[in-house]
Amino acid sequence: MSGLVTRVRFGHTLHAEWVKFRSLRSTWYALACLFAVGLGIGFLSMSAAGGQYASATAAERQAWDPTELSLTTYIVAQLIIGVLGILVVTSEYATGLVRTSLAATPHRHRLLAAKVAVATAVAVVAGQSLMFAAFLLGQSLLAGQGVPNADLGDPGVLSAVAGSGLYLAAITLLAIGLGTIMRATAGALATLVGIVFLVPALSGLFPSWLQGLFDFWPSKGAVAVFATVPDPAYPHPWLNLGGMCLGVAAVLAAAFVVFRRRDV
């Protein structure tokens, strides 16, 4: 009988997580919403850019960054893709499927690693696709208004667009960590909103010894990588994004520890 027992390998767990991921309606709703809302906001904001440039001062025109302007859709996109990351974990807790998953894969670290791998792959593809599409749409709208625009071959443009897609993937991983720790969609989403919106908005109220932390914070220093015009406040944007990724890695590490120690 022992010969009939099949050892569950990581590849099996990975395939099972992919099947679960693509079987959820909420997955496709979130991805559809990501592109519809992301590109819709990009279209609306870039349609008004011509008037902004026409009324800009000489200093403002010198600092004009069409690449960064077309990538501002990240403000909403990070929340939507964050919801996708949260649901990767919390949807199983909501339905009770997590017990079945743990019975099939007793090695908890392997189960969570498979979820992270699947979500990361989807987030990288979706995030990069959205930001490249937002860039191309934005630049075509700027060109149609006779406003200075950018091309992917211009200095710093390709790295800025690619960096914005990586930023969204990092937000997805952060959301997975929060979802694992909290096990509830509402709680994880509220925490994510606080991290990407509330804390940056209130950053000026924090003491001076904490200000350096915002160089690597989502929606603050980490998004400096989106710009092609150097910002004196963030002279090393990729270092800022790297610092944010280290913070996300710390949250994920905590999620793995918590997931292994819980009963369910």
Protein backbone atom coordinates (compact mmCIF):
# COMPACT_ATOMS: atom_id res chain seq x y z
CA MET A 1 0.00 0.00 0.00
CA SER A 2 2.88 2.35 0.72
CA GLY A 3 3.74 2.37 -2.96
CA LEU A 4 0.38 3.97 -3.69
CA VAL A 5 1.11 6.99 -1.51
CA THR A 6 2.12 10.03 -3.50
CA ARG A 7 4.38 12.50 -1.80
CA VAL A 8 3.02 16.04 -2.01
CA ARG A 9 5.73 18.23 -3.47
CA PHE A 10 5.91 22.00 -3.74
CA GLY A 11 4.98 21.78 -7.43
CA HIS A 12 1.71 20.08 -6.48
CA THR A 13 0.94 22.77 -3.91
CA LEU A 14 1.82 25.47 -6.40
CA HIS A 15 -0.52 24.00 -9.00
CA ALA A 16 -3.31 23.67 -6.46
CA GLU A 17 -2.92 27.32 -5.44
CA TRP A 18 -3.01 28.39 -9.08
CA VAL A 19 -6.22 26.44 -9.62
CA LYS A 20 -7.78 28.04 -6.54
CA PHE A 21 -6.58 31.49 -7.56
CA ARG A 22 -8.04 31.40 -11.07
CA SER A 23 -11.24 29.70 -9.86
CA LEU A 24 -12.22 32.64 -7.65
CA ARG A 25 -14.59 35.14 -9.24
CA SER A 26 -13.18 37.82 -6.97
CA THR A 27 -9.78 37.36 -8.65
CA TRP A 28 -11.11 38.26 -12.06
CA TYR A 29 -13.29 41.05 -10.70
CA ALA A 30 -10.26 42.58 -8.99
CA LEU A 31 -8.10 42.32 -12.11
CA ALA A 32 -10.85 43.78 -14.31
CA CYS A 33 -11.34 46.61 -11.83
CA LEU A 34 -7.58 47.21 -11.72
CA PHE A 35 -7.37 47.88 -15.44
CA ALA A 36 -10.74 49.60 -15.86
CA VAL A 37 -10.28 51.99 -12.95
CA GLY A 38 -6.53 52.40 -13.42
CA LEU A 39 -6.73 53.32 -17.09
CA GLY A 40 -9.93 55.31 -16.57
CA ILE A 41 -8.29 57.51 -13.95
CA GLY A 42 -5.23 57.82 -16.17
CA PHE A 43 -7.38 58.96 -19.07
CA LEU A 44 -9.21 61.57 -17.00
CA SER A 45 -6.08 62.98 -15.37
CA MET A 46 -4.05 63.15 -18.58
CA SER A 47 -6.92 64.73 -20.51
CA ALA A 48 -6.58 67.79 -18.27
CA ALA A 49 -2.77 67.92 -18.44
CA GLY A 50 -2.77 70.30 -21.40
CA GLY A 51 -4.51 73.01 -19.37
CA GLN A 52 -2.12 72.44 -16.45
CA TYR A 53 0.90 72.89 -18.68
CA ALA A 54 -0.54 75.98 -20.37
CA SER A 55 -1.02 77.73 -17.01
CA ALA A 56 2.28 76.53 -15.51
CA THR A 57 5.08 78.89 -14.58
CA ALA A 58 8.54 78.67 -16.15
CA ALA A 59 9.84 76.79 -13.10
CA GLU A 60 6.95 74.37 -13.21
CA ARG A 61 7.53 73.71 -16.91
CA GLN A 62 11.18 73.00 -16.24
CA ALA A 63 10.16 70.39 -13.64
CA TRP A 64 7.49 68.94 -15.95
CA ASP A 65 7.73 65.14 -15.88
CA PRO A 66 5.28 63.54 -18.34
CA THR A 67 6.36 60.04 -17.31
CA GLU A 68 5.60 60.49 -13.63
CA LEU A 69 2.37 62.27 -14.48
CA SER A 70 1.10 59.33 -16.52
CA LEU A 71 1.92 56.89 -13.70
CA THR A 72 -0.13 58.63 -11.00
CA THR A 73 -2.81 56.00 -11.56
CA TYR A 74 -0.81 53.96 -9.03
CA ILE A 75 -2.59 55.89 -6.25
CA VAL A 76 -5.77 53.87 -6.79
CA ALA A 77 -4.16 50.84 -8.45
CA GLN A 78 -2.16 50.02 -5.32
CA LEU A 79 -5.36 49.69 -3.31
CA ILE A 80 -7.08 47.45 -5.86
CA ILE A 81 -4.10 45.16 -6.32
CA GLY A 82 -3.74 45.14 -2.55
CA VAL A 83 -7.28 43.79 -2.25
CA LEU A 84 -6.30 41.03 -4.66
CA GLY A 85 -3.35 40.10 -2.44
CA ILE A 86 -5.49 40.10 0.70
CA LEU A 87 -8.12 37.85 -0.87
CA VAL A 88 -5.48 35.25 -1.76
CA VAL A 89 -5.40 34.41 1.96
CA THR A 90 -8.58 35.70 3.58
CA SER A 91 -10.99 34.13 1.06
CA GLU A 92 -10.01 30.71 2.42
CA TYR A 93 -10.61 31.79 6.00
CA ALA A 94 -14.01 33.21 5.05
CA THR A 95 -15.15 29.95 3.43
CA GLY A 96 -13.36 27.54 5.77
CA LEU A 97 -11.36 26.11 2.87
CA VAL A 98 -8.16 26.81 4.80
CA ARG A 99 -8.75 23.64 6.87
CA THR A 100 -8.87 21.55 3.71
CA SER A 101 -5.74 23.23 2.37
CA LEU A 102 -3.86 22.54 5.60
CA ALA A 103 -5.01 18.92 5.59
CA ALA A 104 -3.69 18.51 2.04
CA THR A 105 -0.47 20.43 2.77
CA PRO A 106 0.50 19.99 6.45
CA HIS A 107 3.74 21.92 5.86
CA ARG A 108 2.31 25.39 6.44
CA HIS A 109 5.35 27.27 5.17
CA ARG A 110 5.00 25.43 1.85
CA LEU A 111 1.33 26.36 1.54
CA LEU A 112 1.93 30.05 2.21
CA ALA A 113 5.00 30.08 -0.04
CA ALA A 114 2.88 28.71 -2.89
CA LYS A 115 0.28 31.43 -2.34
CA VAL A 116 3.02 34.06 -2.36
CA ALA A 117 4.57 32.65 -5.54
CA VAL A 118 1.28 32.57 -7.45
CA ALA A 119 0.21 36.03 -6.31
CA THR A 120 3.65 37.49 -7.07
CA ALA A 121 3.64 36.13 -10.61
CA VAL A 122 0.16 37.52 -11.27
CA ALA A 123 0.98 40.85 -9.62
CA VAL A 124 4.17 41.35 -11.64
CA VAL A 125 2.39 40.66 -14.94
CA ALA A 126 -0.71 42.71 -14.05
CA GLY A 127 1.25 45.57 -12.49
CA GLN A 128 3.71 45.90 -15.36
CA SER A 129 0.95 45.59 -17.96
CA LEU A 130 -1.13 48.29 -16.28
CA MET A 131 1.71 50.77 -15.85
CA PHE A 132 3.04 50.33 -19.38
CA ALA A 133 -0.51 50.76 -20.71
CA ALA A 134 -1.03 53.84 -18.51
CA PHE A 135 2.25 55.32 -19.75
CA LEU A 136 1.44 54.76 -23.43
CA LEU A 137 -2.11 56.07 -23.01
CA GLY A 138 -0.90 59.12 -21.12
CA GLN A 139 1.79 60.03 -23.61
CA SER A 140 -0.57 59.70 -26.56
CA LEU A 141 -3.02 62.05 -24.82
CA LEU A 142 -0.24 64.54 -24.10
CA ALA A 143 0.92 64.43 -27.72
CA GLY A 144 -2.63 65.08 -28.88
CA GLN A 145 -2.77 68.22 -26.72
CA GLY A 146 0.56 69.51 -28.01
CA VAL A 147 2.16 69.10 -24.59
CA PRO A 148 5.75 67.82 -24.08
CA ASN A 149 5.63 64.04 -23.75
CA ALA A 150 8.04 61.15 -23.28
CA ASP A 151 9.07 58.02 -25.12
CA LEU A 152 10.19 54.70 -23.69
CA GLY A 153 13.61 55.27 -25.24
CA ASP A 154 14.15 58.55 -23.37
CA PRO A 155 16.63 58.55 -20.47
CA GLY A 156 15.16 57.09 -17.28
CA VAL A 157 11.71 56.42 -18.73
CA LEU A 158 11.88 52.63 -19.07
CA SER A 159 13.26 52.18 -15.55
CA ALA A 160 10.57 54.48 -14.13
CA VAL A 161 7.73 52.55 -15.78
CA ALA A 162 9.23 49.18 -14.85
CA GLY A 163 9.82 50.39 -11.30
CA SER A 164 6.18 51.38 -10.95
CA GLY A 165 5.12 47.85 -11.88
CA LEU A 166 7.51 46.38 -9.30
CA TYR A 167 6.09 48.78 -6.71
CA LEU A 168 2.59 47.39 -7.30
CA ALA A 169 3.92 43.84 -6.97
CA ALA A 170 5.51 44.78 -3.63
CA ILE A 171 2.18 46.19 -2.45
CA THR A 172 0.58 42.85 -3.32
CA LEU A 173 3.11 41.01 -1.15
CA LEU A 174 2.50 43.46 1.68
CA ALA A 175 -1.23 42.77 1.38
CA ILE A 176 -0.65 39.00 1.52
CA GLY A 177 1.35 39.47 4.72
CA LEU A 178 -1.36 41.59 6.29
CA GLY A 179 -4.08 39.16 5.22
CA THR A 180 -2.18 36.24 6.72
CA ILE A 181 -1.58 38.00 10.03
CA MET A 182 -5.14 39.32 10.42
CA ARG A 183 -7.12 36.53 8.65
CA ALA A 184 -9.91 39.02 7.90
CA THR A 185 -10.41 41.01 4.71
CA ALA A 186 -11.80 44.12 6.44
CA GLY A 187 -9.00 44.34 9.01
CA ALA A 188 -6.22 43.75 6.49
CA LEU A 189 -7.72 46.27 4.04
CA ALA A 190 -8.10 48.93 6.76
CA THR A 191 -4.46 48.43 7.72
CA LEU A 192 -3.34 48.66 4.09
CA VAL A 193 -5.30 51.88 3.61
CA GLY A 194 -3.66 53.29 6.72
CA ILE A 195 -0.20 52.38 5.43
CA VAL A 196 -0.52 53.72 1.87
CA PHE A 197 -2.85 56.68 2.46
CA LEU A 198 -3.25 57.75 6.08
CA VAL A 199 0.34 57.57 7.33
CA PRO A 200 1.80 59.45 4.32
CA ALA A 201 -0.88 62.14 4.66
CA LEU A 202 0.04 62.64 8.33
CA SER A 203 3.80 62.25 7.91
CA GLY A 204 4.44 65.88 8.80
CA LEU A 205 3.04 65.28 12.29
CA PHE A 206 5.58 62.59 13.15
CA PRO A 207 8.69 63.46 15.21
CA SER A 208 11.92 64.28 13.39
CA TRP A 209 13.61 61.02 14.41
CA LEU A 210 10.96 59.10 12.44
CA GLN A 211 11.11 61.22 9.28
CA GLY A 212 13.87 59.13 7.75
CA LEU A 213 11.49 56.17 7.72
CA PHE A 214 9.35 57.88 5.09
CA ASP A 215 12.21 57.67 2.57
CA PHE A 216 11.22 54.01 2.20
CA TRP A 217 7.48 54.25 2.87
CA PRO A 218 4.78 53.34 0.31
CA SER A 219 3.27 56.42 -1.36
CA LYS A 220 6.24 58.48 -0.10
CA GLY A 221 9.91 57.86 -0.85
CA ALA A 222 9.33 54.50 -2.53
CA VAL A 223 7.41 56.11 -5.41
CA ALA A 224 10.34 58.40 -6.24
CA VAL A 225 11.35 55.68 -8.70
CA PHE A 226 8.42 56.79 -10.91
CA ALA A 227 10.10 60.11 -11.74
CA THR A 228 12.55 60.93 -14.51
CA VAL A 229 13.23 64.46 -13.24
CA PRO A 230 15.58 64.13 -10.22
CA ASP A 231 14.05 64.99 -6.85
CA PRO A 232 16.60 66.46 -4.39
CA ALA A 233 14.64 64.94 -1.50
CA TYR A 234 15.12 61.42 -2.92
CA PRO A 235 18.42 61.31 -4.83
CA HIS A 236 18.53 57.49 -4.87
CA PRO A 237 14.99 56.36 -5.80
CA TRP A 238 15.86 52.68 -6.37
CA LEU A 239 17.40 52.58 -2.91
CA ASN A 240 14.12 53.95 -1.56
CA LEU A 241 12.14 51.25 -3.37
CA GLY A 242 14.60 48.63 -2.13
CA GLY A 243 14.10 49.81 1.44
CA MET A 244 10.35 49.45 1.04
CA CYS A 245 10.82 45.90 -0.29
CA LEU A 246 12.89 45.04 2.80
CA GLY A 247 10.01 46.28 4.95
CA VAL A 248 7.57 44.15 2.97
CA ALA A 249 9.88 41.17 3.41
CA ALA A 250 9.81 41.74 7.19
CA VAL A 251 6.00 41.73 7.19
CA LEU A 252 5.99 38.53 5.13
CA ALA A 253 8.48 36.91 7.51
CA ALA A 254 6.20 37.77 10.43
CA ALA A 255 3.27 36.32 8.48
CA PHE A 256 5.11 33.01 8.00
CA VAL A 257 5.89 32.82 11.72
CA VAL A 258 2.30 33.58 12.73
CA PHE A 259 0.86 31.16 10.16
CA ARG A 260 3.03 28.29 11.41
CA ARG A 261 2.18 28.84 15.09
CA ARG A 262 -1.61 29.13 14.79
CA ASP A 263 -4.00 26.24 15.19
CA VAL A 264 -5.68 27.24 11.90
